[in-house]
Protein backbone atom coordinates (compact mmCIF):
# COMPACT_ATOMS: atom_id res chain seq x y z
CA MET A 1 41.02 -74.81 -1.02
CA ASN A 2 38.53 -77.18 0.56
CA ALA A 3 34.74 -76.95 0.59
CA ILE A 4 34.61 -75.30 4.02
CA GLN A 5 37.01 -72.55 2.97
CA GLN A 6 35.02 -71.99 -0.23
CA ALA A 7 31.78 -71.71 1.74
CA GLN A 8 33.35 -69.28 4.21
CA ARG A 9 34.62 -67.11 1.37
CA ALA A 10 31.27 -67.22 -0.45
CA TYR A 11 29.30 -66.17 2.62
CA ALA A 12 31.81 -63.75 4.08
CA PRO A 13 30.71 -60.14 4.43
CA VAL A 14 31.37 -58.04 1.36
CA ASN A 15 33.77 -55.18 1.96
CA SER A 16 32.31 -52.48 -0.22
CA PRO A 17 32.95 -48.80 0.28
CA VAL A 18 30.29 -46.86 2.13
CA MET A 19 29.19 -43.79 0.24
CA THR A 20 28.12 -40.60 1.95
CA GLY A 21 24.81 -39.01 1.06
CA ARG A 22 26.62 -36.34 -0.90
CA ALA A 23 28.62 -38.94 -2.86
CA THR A 24 25.45 -40.90 -3.62
CA GLU A 25 23.73 -37.74 -4.84
CA LEU A 26 26.72 -36.86 -7.00
CA GLN A 27 26.74 -40.36 -8.50
CA LEU A 28 23.00 -40.18 -9.21
CA PHE A 29 23.33 -36.81 -10.95
CA SER A 30 26.39 -38.01 -12.86
CA GLN A 31 24.58 -41.09 -14.19
CA THR A 32 21.43 -39.13 -15.03
CA THR A 33 23.36 -36.37 -16.79
CA ALA A 34 25.43 -38.88 -18.76
CA ARG A 35 22.20 -40.51 -19.90
CA LEU A 36 20.83 -37.10 -20.99
CA LYS A 37 24.01 -36.32 -22.95
CA THR A 38 24.06 -39.71 -24.66
CA ALA A 39 20.40 -39.42 -25.61
CA MET A 40 20.90 -35.87 -26.89
CA GLN A 41 23.80 -36.99 -29.09
CA SER A 42 21.90 -40.01 -30.42
CA GLY A 43 18.90 -38.02 -31.54
CA ASN A 44 16.78 -41.11 -30.85
CA PHE A 45 13.43 -39.93 -29.47
CA ALA A 46 12.87 -43.07 -27.39
CA ALA A 47 16.29 -42.66 -25.73
CA ILE A 48 15.61 -38.97 -25.17
CA ALA A 49 12.22 -39.68 -23.62
CA GLU A 50 13.71 -42.33 -21.31
CA ALA A 51 16.55 -40.02 -20.21
CA LEU A 52 14.10 -37.19 -19.60
CA PHE A 53 11.87 -39.51 -17.58
CA GLN A 54 14.80 -40.54 -15.37
CA ASN A 55 15.87 -36.92 -14.89
CA ARG A 56 12.30 -35.94 -14.05
CA ARG A 57 12.12 -38.71 -11.42
CA VAL A 58 15.27 -37.40 -9.75
CA TRP A 59 14.00 -33.83 -9.65
CA THR A 60 10.50 -34.83 -8.52
CA HIS A 61 12.04 -36.71 -5.61
CA LEU A 62 14.22 -33.71 -4.75
CA ALA A 63 11.21 -31.41 -4.79
CA GLY A 64 9.43 -33.67 -2.31
CA GLU A 65 12.48 -33.80 -0.05
CA VAL A 66 12.99 -30.04 0.09
CA ALA A 67 9.26 -29.36 0.50
CA ASP A 68 9.29 -31.36 3.74
CA PRO A 69 9.34 -28.91 6.67
CA ALA A 70 11.60 -31.31 8.57
CA ASN A 71 14.35 -30.92 5.94
CA ALA A 72 17.41 -29.39 7.63
CA LEU A 73 18.66 -27.40 4.64
CA PRO A 74 18.40 -23.61 4.78
CA ALA A 75 15.04 -22.34 3.56
CA THR A 76 16.62 -20.33 0.73
CA LEU A 77 18.48 -23.33 -0.61
CA ARG A 78 15.37 -25.48 -0.34
CA ALA A 79 13.41 -22.88 -2.31
CA GLN A 80 16.10 -22.74 -5.00
CA ILE A 81 16.12 -26.51 -5.38
CA PHE A 82 12.32 -26.56 -5.56
CA TYR A 83 12.39 -23.85 -8.24
CA LEU A 84 14.91 -25.89 -10.26
CA ALA A 85 12.64 -28.92 -9.96
CA GLU A 86 9.72 -26.88 -11.31
CA PHE A 87 11.86 -25.50 -14.13
CA THR A 88 13.04 -29.01 -14.99
CA GLU A 89 9.45 -30.24 -15.15
CA HIS A 90 8.39 -27.38 -17.43
CA HIS A 91 11.48 -27.60 -19.65
CA THR A 92 11.15 -31.38 -19.99
CA ARG A 93 7.66 -30.92 -21.42
CA ALA A 94 9.01 -28.37 -23.88
CA VAL A 95 11.78 -30.75 -24.97
CA LEU A 96 9.28 -33.56 -25.54
CA LYS A 97 7.18 -31.21 -27.69
CA GLY A 98 10.26 -30.29 -29.74
CA GLU A 99 10.17 -26.70 -28.47
CA ALA A 100 13.38 -26.78 -26.40
CA ASP A 101 16.78 -28.41 -26.15
CA ILE A 102 18.07 -30.85 -23.54
CA ALA A 103 21.21 -28.74 -23.05
CA ALA A 104 19.59 -26.55 -20.37
CA LEU A 105 18.80 -29.64 -18.28
CA VAL A 106 22.36 -30.92 -18.69
CA ASP A 107 23.66 -27.49 -17.59
CA ILE A 108 21.48 -27.49 -14.47
CA ASN A 109 22.53 -31.00 -13.49
CA THR A 110 26.18 -30.12 -14.13
CA ALA A 111 25.91 -27.07 -11.87
CA VAL A 112 24.37 -29.23 -9.12
CA MET A 113 27.20 -31.75 -9.53
CA ARG A 114 29.77 -28.96 -9.17
CA GLY A 115 28.08 -27.88 -5.95
CA LEU A 116 27.95 -31.43 -4.61
CA SER A 117 31.61 -32.02 -5.44
CA GLY A 118 32.65 -28.77 -3.75
CA ASN A 119 33.83 -27.14 -6.99
CA GLY A 120 30.96 -24.66 -7.16
CA ALA A 121 32.67 -21.82 -5.30
CA ARG A 122 35.59 -21.80 -7.73
CA GLU A 123 33.29 -21.75 -10.73
CA GLY A 124 30.81 -19.15 -9.59
CA ALA A 125 28.10 -21.36 -8.13
CA ALA A 126 27.32 -21.34 -4.44
CA ALA A 127 29.11 -24.07 -2.54
CA GLN A 128 26.38 -25.37 -0.28
CA PRO A 129 26.00 -28.41 1.92
CA ALA A 130 24.55 -31.52 0.33
CA ALA A 131 21.37 -30.15 -1.13
CA THR A 132 19.63 -33.21 -2.33
CA ALA A 133 18.76 -36.76 -1.55
CA SER A 134 18.74 -39.62 -3.95
CA PRO A 135 15.69 -41.82 -4.33
CA ALA A 136 17.79 -44.65 -2.94
CA GLN A 137 18.62 -42.78 0.23
CA GLU A 138 16.73 -40.88 2.89
CA GLY A 139 16.97 -37.09 2.56
CA VAL A 140 18.79 -34.75 4.85
CA ARG A 141 16.59 -34.06 7.84
């Protein structure tokens, strides 16, 4: 391979898969929930605090997205997501004080992931359209 071919290959467009909003949201929740589980198992307070901070950031962003009147999700679903964001905020404080367990936050995130993956209807949760937006992506509007 000569220098021109190497340069063409180096600067060629990257063919990476394009993720839908729903897939991005699912990936974000999956990563955040895995971090919560790992921190919970480690028992390391610094790791727990960092995982809780990341989870709180996700839920705070979601609350802002669903509070926007321009959000196209049904009002009931928006209200449910906002309530979960408030619960997450409150429960996170309780975990940091040593008054609660991370498991409830893992359960909530897992239920959201089931809904995003379309498995919610089979497992008792409501199968709804993509309910959230990741911080890296614009919300559903």
